[in-house]
Amino acid sequence: MGILPGTQRAWIGLNRTGVNRTGVNRSGVNRSGRRAGEKQPDLLAIASRLYGDDPYRKPEVYLREYERLFAPMRDQPIRLLELGVHRGISMQVWREYFPSATVVGLDSDPAPANFPAEERFHFIHGGQDDPALLRRAIEAAGGAFDVVLDDASHLGAITARSFAFLFEHGLKPGGVYVIEDLCTAFTSGGDFDAAPYAPPEIGLPGMPRVFPSHEHGMIGLVKQIVDHGQAPTAAGGYTRYPIERVTVMTNIVYVHKAE
């Protein structure tokens, strides 16, 4: 299944600055400073250069999967929302990686000094679970998003409220919703809603009807999302969250919205 239905259509026509809707100007140079046909650096290379030795850089396991998911849409005019922009380095990464995208960043702190000043970038100041602000983010982007990345509070309840609103109202069919840093559900990586990591035994003798597992924080939320993903089989149709598939990797989850 394509992540972004309809985005393979060609976008043509120059705007007043001489840049067409693929981000390439009359001299063949796109918004990232590359000429058409010039080899593009991958996401890991861009992030390594921009983050340097920043301890808050996105982990390599995230970036490699992002490259796999995002490469087919890299030069398309997608819409991307990131909840939690911190110092703004990820915004610079998306600026270079997605030269034709409209990007919205939302954070409870004011916009960082290096937040991109281009018209296609928008900053929303406030809480990630405020429906009014989330609606404003959608309006700023000009419609629902192709990609939503949650790298904000890392608290299950707050993250859940963002997901509940955005997956239903702010994510395109075929889009992907990403929640980073699931480790905060464990006391080794979190605090407020965390609990000690105690992996359950699998395959115990007998015939148990209930299979206990970790239900705190972000991990508990992921397991709720998995339950909703089984609705077509269990109930004959989607719940309010039409989930096509859920991919759980180390410390991160990808939730794909059905077409």
Protein backbone atom coordinates (compact mmCIF):
# COMPACT_ATOMS: atom_id res chain seq x y z
CA MET A 1 0.00 0.00 0.00
CA GLY A 2 1.29 3.50 -0.81
CA ILE A 3 1.65 5.72 2.22
CA LEU A 4 0.41 8.78 0.37
CA PRO A 5 -2.40 8.17 -2.11
CA GLY A 6 -2.31 10.54 -5.03
CA THR A 7 1.09 12.10 -4.34
CA GLN A 8 2.68 10.51 -7.41
CA ARG A 9 0.95 13.05 -9.63
CA ALA A 10 3.30 15.52 -11.27
CA TRP A 11 3.31 19.05 -9.91
CA ILE A 12 4.17 21.63 -12.54
CA GLY A 13 4.09 25.38 -12.98
CA LEU A 14 6.43 28.06 -11.64
CA ASN A 15 5.46 30.48 -8.89
CA ARG A 16 6.45 34.14 -8.79
CA THR A 17 9.93 33.29 -7.48
CA GLY A 18 10.61 30.92 -10.36
CA VAL A 19 10.37 27.82 -8.21
CA ASN A 20 7.98 25.11 -9.32
CA ARG A 21 5.88 22.99 -6.98
CA THR A 22 8.51 20.27 -6.87
CA GLY A 23 10.85 22.87 -5.35
CA VAL A 24 13.09 23.25 -8.46
CA ASN A 25 13.80 26.69 -9.91
CA ARG A 26 14.49 27.68 -13.53
CA SER A 27 18.20 26.88 -13.17
CA GLY A 28 17.41 23.35 -12.00
CA VAL A 29 18.33 23.93 -8.34
CA ASN A 30 15.88 22.78 -5.66
CA ARG A 31 15.22 24.26 -2.22
CA SER A 32 18.00 22.15 -0.69
CA GLY A 33 20.58 23.67 -3.04
CA ARG A 34 20.91 20.52 -5.18
CA ARG A 35 20.62 20.43 -8.95
CA ALA A 36 18.05 18.12 -10.48
CA GLY A 37 19.53 14.63 -10.78
CA GLU A 38 22.21 15.26 -8.16
CA LYS A 39 22.49 12.43 -5.62
CA GLN A 40 20.65 13.20 -2.40
CA PRO A 41 22.26 12.53 0.98
CA ASP A 42 20.20 10.08 3.00
CA LEU A 43 18.43 11.03 6.22
CA LEU A 44 21.12 9.55 8.46
CA ALA A 45 23.80 11.64 6.77
CA ILE A 46 21.75 14.83 7.05
CA ALA A 47 20.91 14.21 10.71
CA SER A 48 24.52 13.33 11.60
CA ARG A 49 25.73 16.60 10.11
CA LEU A 50 23.06 18.80 11.69
CA TYR A 51 22.89 17.15 15.13
CA GLY A 52 26.63 16.62 15.52
CA ASP A 53 27.24 15.35 19.05
CA ASP A 54 23.93 16.69 20.41
CA PRO A 55 22.83 14.23 23.13
CA TYR A 56 19.18 14.74 22.12
CA ARG A 57 19.67 13.63 18.53
CA LYS A 58 17.19 11.12 17.16
CA PRO A 59 18.57 7.57 17.51
CA GLU A 60 19.91 5.77 14.47
CA VAL A 61 17.22 3.08 14.70
CA TYR A 62 14.59 5.80 14.19
CA LEU A 63 16.40 7.47 11.32
CA ARG A 64 17.00 4.26 9.38
CA GLU A 65 13.31 3.36 9.50
CA TYR A 66 12.34 6.95 8.66
CA GLU A 67 14.57 6.74 5.59
CA ARG A 68 12.85 3.53 4.50
CA LEU A 69 9.37 5.00 5.00
CA PHE A 70 9.97 8.53 3.79
CA ALA A 71 12.28 8.06 0.80
CA PRO A 72 9.42 7.43 -1.68
CA MET A 73 7.74 10.70 -0.67
CA ARG A 74 10.88 12.76 -0.23
CA ASP A 75 10.32 15.20 -3.11
CA GLN A 76 6.54 15.27 -2.85
CA PRO A 77 4.54 18.22 -1.43
CA ILE A 78 3.60 16.33 1.73
CA ARG A 79 2.42 17.76 5.04
CA LEU A 80 4.33 16.82 8.20
CA LEU A 81 3.57 17.62 11.84
CA GLU A 82 6.10 17.13 14.61
CA LEU A 83 4.91 17.41 18.21
CA GLY A 84 7.89 18.54 20.26
CA VAL A 85 10.65 20.44 18.43
CA HIS A 86 13.02 21.11 21.38
CA ARG A 87 15.97 23.08 19.95
CA GLY A 88 14.67 22.93 16.39
CA ILE A 89 17.35 20.70 14.89
CA SER A 90 14.79 18.17 13.64
CA MET A 91 13.05 21.02 11.82
CA GLN A 92 16.32 21.76 10.03
CA VAL A 93 16.58 18.07 9.16
CA TRP A 94 13.08 18.04 7.66
CA ARG A 95 13.81 21.31 5.86
CA GLU A 96 16.67 19.67 3.98
CA TYR A 97 15.22 16.20 3.59
CA PHE A 98 11.75 17.30 2.43
CA PRO A 99 12.40 20.30 0.13
CA SER A 100 8.77 20.55 -0.99
CA ALA A 101 6.96 19.69 2.24
CA THR A 102 4.81 21.89 4.44
CA VAL A 103 6.02 21.34 8.01
CA VAL A 104 4.38 22.31 11.30
CA GLY A 105 6.18 22.11 14.63
CA LEU A 106 4.32 22.33 17.95
CA ASP A 107 5.96 22.77 21.34
CA SER A 108 5.08 23.94 24.84
CA ASP A 109 8.19 26.15 24.77
CA PRO A 110 8.53 29.18 22.47
CA ALA A 111 9.95 28.65 19.00
CA PRO A 112 13.70 27.95 19.08
CA ALA A 113 16.01 30.47 17.48
CA ASN A 114 16.88 28.20 14.57
CA PHE A 115 13.32 27.28 13.63
CA PRO A 116 13.18 27.63 9.81
CA ALA A 117 11.88 31.00 8.66
CA GLU A 118 10.56 29.77 5.31
CA GLU A 119 6.87 30.23 4.57
CA ARG A 120 6.33 26.48 4.36
CA PHE A 121 7.28 26.10 8.04
CA HIS A 122 4.83 26.94 10.82
CA PHE A 123 5.26 26.97 14.59
CA ILE A 124 2.43 26.44 17.09
CA HIS A 125 3.12 27.32 20.75
CA GLY A 126 1.26 25.31 23.36
CA GLY A 127 0.32 21.90 24.67
CA GLN A 128 0.28 18.91 22.37
CA ASP A 129 -3.12 17.72 23.61
CA ASP A 130 -5.01 21.00 23.09
CA PRO A 131 -7.60 20.33 20.36
CA ALA A 132 -7.79 24.02 19.43
CA LEU A 133 -4.03 24.11 18.78
CA LEU A 134 -4.13 20.84 16.87
CA ARG A 135 -6.88 22.27 14.66
CA ARG A 136 -4.72 25.35 14.13
CA ALA A 137 -1.83 23.11 13.08
CA ILE A 138 -4.02 21.41 10.49
CA GLU A 139 -5.22 24.77 9.20
CA ALA A 140 -1.65 26.11 9.01
CA ALA A 141 -0.61 23.14 6.90
CA GLY A 142 -3.59 23.51 4.60
CA GLY A 143 -5.17 20.17 5.50
CA ALA A 144 -4.57 16.82 7.12
CA PHE A 145 -1.04 15.49 7.46
CA ASP A 146 0.73 12.68 5.63
CA VAL A 147 3.09 12.17 8.59
CA VAL A 148 2.67 12.92 12.30
CA LEU A 149 5.68 12.46 14.62
CA ASP A 150 5.15 12.61 18.38
CA ASP A 151 8.37 13.48 20.21
CA ALA A 152 6.76 15.68 22.86
CA SER A 153 5.68 14.88 26.44
CA HIS A 154 6.40 11.11 26.38
CA LEU A 155 3.58 10.70 28.91
CA GLY A 156 0.95 8.13 28.08
CA ALA A 157 -2.16 10.17 28.90
CA ILE A 158 -1.06 13.28 27.02
CA THR A 159 0.26 11.31 24.06
CA ALA A 160 -3.03 9.39 23.94
CA ARG A 161 -5.09 12.58 23.71
CA SER A 162 -2.95 13.81 20.80
CA PHE A 163 -3.33 10.48 19.03
CA ALA A 164 -7.09 10.32 19.63
CA PHE A 165 -7.61 13.70 17.96
CA LEU A 166 -5.01 13.65 15.22
CA PHE A 167 -5.40 10.09 13.98
CA GLU A 168 -9.11 10.69 13.44
CA HIS A 169 -9.08 14.32 12.29
CA GLY A 170 -5.54 15.28 11.31
CA LEU A 171 -4.00 12.31 9.48
CA LYS A 172 -4.72 11.49 5.85
CA PRO A 173 -5.92 8.03 4.88
CA GLY A 174 -2.73 6.13 4.05
CA GLY A 175 -0.68 8.34 6.37
CA VAL A 176 1.59 7.25 9.21
CA TYR A 177 1.52 8.28 12.87
CA VAL A 178 4.79 7.78 14.76
CA ILE A 179 5.26 7.81 18.54
CA GLU A 180 8.85 7.98 19.72
CA ASP A 181 10.53 7.03 23.01
CA LEU A 182 8.33 4.28 24.40
CA CYS A 183 11.01 3.65 27.04
CA THR A 184 9.46 6.31 29.26
CA ALA A 185 6.93 3.67 30.32
CA PHE A 186 9.70 2.05 32.36
CA THR A 187 11.36 3.55 35.42
CA SER A 188 14.74 3.26 33.68
CA GLY A 189 13.57 5.83 31.14
CA GLY A 190 10.64 7.68 32.69
CA ASP A 191 9.03 8.89 35.89
CA PHE A 192 5.42 10.04 36.17
CA ASP A 193 3.57 7.08 34.63
CA ALA A 194 6.46 4.61 34.54
CA ALA A 195 6.82 1.26 36.29
CA PRO A 196 9.72 -1.19 36.57
CA TYR A 197 10.42 -3.36 33.55
CA ALA A 198 9.39 -6.94 34.33
CA PRO A 199 8.99 -9.00 31.14
CA PRO A 200 6.24 -11.59 31.61
CA GLU A 201 6.90 -15.28 31.25
CA ILE A 202 5.52 -16.65 27.98
CA GLY A 203 4.23 -20.19 27.68
CA LEU A 204 3.54 -21.02 31.31
CA PRO A 205 1.84 -24.36 32.09
CA GLY A 206 -1.92 -24.54 32.42
CA MET A 207 -4.67 -22.76 30.53
CA PRO A 208 -4.65 -19.10 31.61
CA ARG A 209 -7.38 -16.89 30.17
CA VAL A 210 -5.58 -13.61 30.92
CA PHE A 211 -2.01 -12.78 29.88
CA PRO A 212 -0.71 -9.94 32.07
CA SER A 213 1.76 -7.50 30.60
CA HIS A 214 3.16 -4.00 31.15
CA GLU A 215 0.27 -1.51 30.96
CA HIS A 216 1.92 1.71 32.14
CA GLY A 217 2.52 4.88 30.18
CA MET A 218 3.40 4.78 26.51
CA ILE A 219 3.52 0.97 26.39
CA GLY A 220 -0.03 0.77 27.73
CA LEU A 221 -1.13 3.20 25.01
CA VAL A 222 0.53 1.12 22.29
CA LYS A 223 -1.36 -1.95 23.49
CA GLN A 224 -4.64 -0.02 23.31
CA ILE A 225 -3.78 0.95 19.73
CA VAL A 226 -3.13 -2.71 18.88
CA ASP A 227 -6.59 -3.59 20.26
CA HIS A 228 -8.21 -1.04 17.94
CA GLY A 229 -6.21 -2.43 15.03
CA GLN A 230 -7.96 -5.79 15.44
CA ALA A 231 -11.46 -4.34 15.04
CA PRO A 232 -12.04 -5.46 11.40
CA THR A 233 -11.68 -9.10 12.46
CA ALA A 234 -13.22 -8.89 15.92
CA ALA A 235 -16.12 -6.54 15.16
CA GLY A 236 -16.49 -6.55 11.39
CA GLY A 237 -15.24 -3.01 10.81
CA TYR A 238 -12.93 -0.26 11.99
CA THR A 239 -13.44 1.69 15.19
CA ARG A 240 -13.05 5.48 15.00
CA TYR A 241 -9.35 4.70 14.42
CA PRO A 242 -9.04 2.95 11.03
CA ILE A 243 -5.69 1.26 11.68
CA GLU A 244 -4.26 -0.78 8.82
CA ARG A 245 -1.15 -1.96 10.65
CA VAL A 246 1.03 -1.27 13.67
CA THR A 247 4.80 -1.72 13.57
CA VAL A 248 6.52 -1.78 16.95
CA MET A 249 10.30 -1.42 16.93
CA THR A 250 12.82 -0.71 19.64
CA ASN A 251 11.50 2.34 21.52
CA ILE A 252 9.16 3.49 18.74
CA VAL A 253 5.84 2.60 17.10
CA TYR A 254 4.47 3.31 13.61
CA VAL A 255 0.70 3.32 13.14
CA HIS A 256 -0.52 3.29 9.53
CA LYS A 257 -3.96 4.65 8.76
CA ALA A 258 -6.10 2.62 6.36
CA GLU A 259 -6.83 4.06 2.93
